[in-house]
Amino acid sequence: EVQLVESGGGLVQPGGSLRLSCSASGFTFIDYDMDWVRQAPGKGLEWVATITADGFFRNYAEAVKGRFTISRDNTNNTLNLQMNSLRPEDTAVYYCRHGSERGQGTQVIVSS
C-alpha cells in the first residue's frame, strides 16, 4: 500500500520560508519521479514541481520558479520542497504525489 505523509506546513509571513517533507513507503521510491502539487482554497489542483527518480532533473511551474526547490533523499525515501520568498498566493494545501496517489497534505498559509 502506497503511503505518503507530508509535513512542515504552517503560517508564515510574506517573504518567509518553509521546508516541506514527504515520507514515502509502500513502493520502490528510487524507481519513480515524484511531484509536489497544491490546492488553494476554492481552486483546483495545481502542479508545482517534479523531480526525476535519480534526482538529476527538476521542473517547476512558472509561478514558483526561482523560489522553490524540490529535492529527494533516496536513502530515506523522502521528498522535500524548500519554499523561499513566499507570497500570499502560495497559500494552499501541499501534497506530494506518486502517480495518482497523494498524501493527506500539509497546509501552508502565507499571511501578515
Protein backbone atom coordinates (compact mmCIF):
# COMPACT_ATOMS: atom_id res chain seq x y z
CA GLU A 1 0.00 0.00 0.00
CA VAL A 2 1.37 3.38 -1.03
CA GLN A 3 1.71 5.80 1.87
CA LEU A 4 2.72 9.44 1.52
CA VAL A 5 2.93 11.61 4.64
CA GLU A 6 3.56 15.32 4.24
CA SER A 7 4.79 17.62 6.98
CA GLY A 8 6.31 21.04 7.53
CA GLY A 9 3.45 23.36 6.70
CA GLY A 10 2.40 26.31 8.80
CA LEU A 11 1.73 30.02 8.96
CA VAL A 12 4.46 32.26 7.59
CA GLN A 13 4.72 35.93 6.72
CA PRO A 14 5.17 37.07 3.12
CA GLY A 15 8.83 36.78 2.17
CA GLY A 16 9.38 33.96 4.61
CA SER A 17 10.46 30.37 4.06
CA LEU A 18 9.20 26.88 4.81
CA ARG A 19 10.54 23.42 4.10
CA LEU A 20 8.05 20.68 3.38
CA SER A 21 8.85 17.00 3.60
CA CYS A 22 7.10 13.86 2.42
CA SER A 23 7.86 10.43 3.78
CA ALA A 24 7.08 7.71 1.23
CA SER A 25 6.53 3.99 1.69
CA GLY A 26 4.82 1.05 0.01
CA PHE A 27 6.66 1.33 -3.29
CA THR A 28 10.23 1.42 -4.59
CA PHE A 29 10.82 5.15 -4.15
CA ILE A 30 14.10 5.25 -6.05
CA ASP A 31 12.39 4.00 -9.23
CA TYR A 32 9.89 6.84 -9.63
CA ASP A 33 9.71 10.51 -10.48
CA MET A 34 7.88 12.44 -7.78
CA ASP A 35 5.77 15.59 -7.77
CA TRP A 36 4.58 18.31 -5.48
CA VAL A 37 1.13 19.67 -6.19
CA ARG A 38 -1.04 22.15 -4.32
CA GLN A 39 -4.65 23.17 -3.94
CA ALA A 40 -5.54 26.71 -2.98
CA PRO A 41 -8.88 27.46 -1.29
CA GLY A 42 -11.69 27.20 -3.83
CA LYS A 43 -9.37 26.20 -6.67
CA GLY A 44 -8.34 23.03 -8.45
CA LEU A 45 -5.19 21.02 -8.08
CA GLU A 46 -2.09 22.80 -9.39
CA TRP A 47 1.18 21.11 -10.30
CA VAL A 48 4.17 22.73 -8.55
CA ALA A 49 7.31 20.72 -9.30
CA THR A 50 8.68 17.36 -10.45
CA ILE A 51 11.94 15.61 -9.75
CA THR A 52 13.19 12.59 -11.66
CA ALA A 53 13.84 9.28 -9.96
CA ASP A 54 17.59 9.86 -9.85
CA GLY A 55 17.19 13.45 -8.68
CA PHE A 56 19.17 14.84 -11.61
CA PHE A 57 16.35 16.70 -13.37
CA ARG A 58 13.80 19.07 -11.87
CA ASN A 59 10.97 21.03 -13.40
CA TYR A 60 8.91 23.84 -11.90
CA ALA A 61 5.71 25.70 -12.53
CA GLU A 62 6.33 29.27 -13.66
CA ALA A 63 4.60 30.56 -10.55
CA VAL A 64 7.28 29.09 -8.26
CA LYS A 65 10.37 29.00 -10.47
CA GLY A 66 13.35 30.63 -8.75
CA ARG A 67 11.69 30.49 -5.33
CA PHE A 68 11.02 26.79 -4.69
CA THR A 69 13.46 23.89 -4.81
CA ILE A 70 12.40 20.26 -5.00
CA SER A 71 14.81 17.60 -3.75
CA ARG A 72 14.81 13.99 -2.65
CA ASP A 73 16.70 11.61 -0.41
CA ASN A 74 16.51 8.16 -1.95
CA THR A 75 18.25 6.62 1.05
CA ASN A 76 15.47 7.71 3.39
CA ASN A 77 12.57 7.69 0.89
CA THR A 78 11.91 11.38 1.46
CA LEU A 79 10.79 14.13 -0.89
CA ASN A 80 11.34 17.77 0.05
CA LEU A 81 10.22 21.20 -1.07
CA GLN A 82 12.17 24.25 0.04
CA MET A 83 9.97 27.31 -0.36
CA ASN A 84 11.53 30.76 -0.18
CA SER A 85 10.18 34.26 -0.79
CA LEU A 86 6.69 33.03 -0.05
CA ARG A 87 3.72 35.05 -1.28
CA PRO A 88 0.08 35.12 -0.17
CA GLU A 89 -0.84 33.38 -3.42
CA ASP A 90 1.25 30.39 -2.32
CA THR A 91 -1.36 29.70 0.35
CA ALA A 92 -2.63 26.17 -0.28
CA VAL A 93 -2.63 22.59 0.88
CA TYR A 94 0.54 20.98 -0.48
CA TYR A 95 0.68 17.33 -1.46
CA CYS A 96 3.42 15.03 -2.61
CA ARG A 97 2.29 12.81 -5.44
CA HIS A 98 3.29 9.42 -6.81
CA GLY A 99 1.29 8.69 -9.94
CA SER A 100 -2.32 9.20 -8.91
CA GLU A 101 -1.61 8.80 -5.21
CA ARG A 102 -1.39 11.73 -2.79
CA GLY A 103 -0.91 12.07 0.91
CA GLN A 104 -3.21 13.94 3.28
CA GLY A 105 -1.42 17.19 2.56
CA THR A 106 0.13 19.91 4.69
CA GLN A 107 -1.39 23.38 4.98
CA VAL A 108 0.69 26.43 4.09
CA ILE A 109 -0.68 29.87 4.92
CA VAL A 110 1.21 32.96 3.85
CA SER A 111 -0.18 36.00 5.60
CA SER A 112 0.89 39.01 7.59
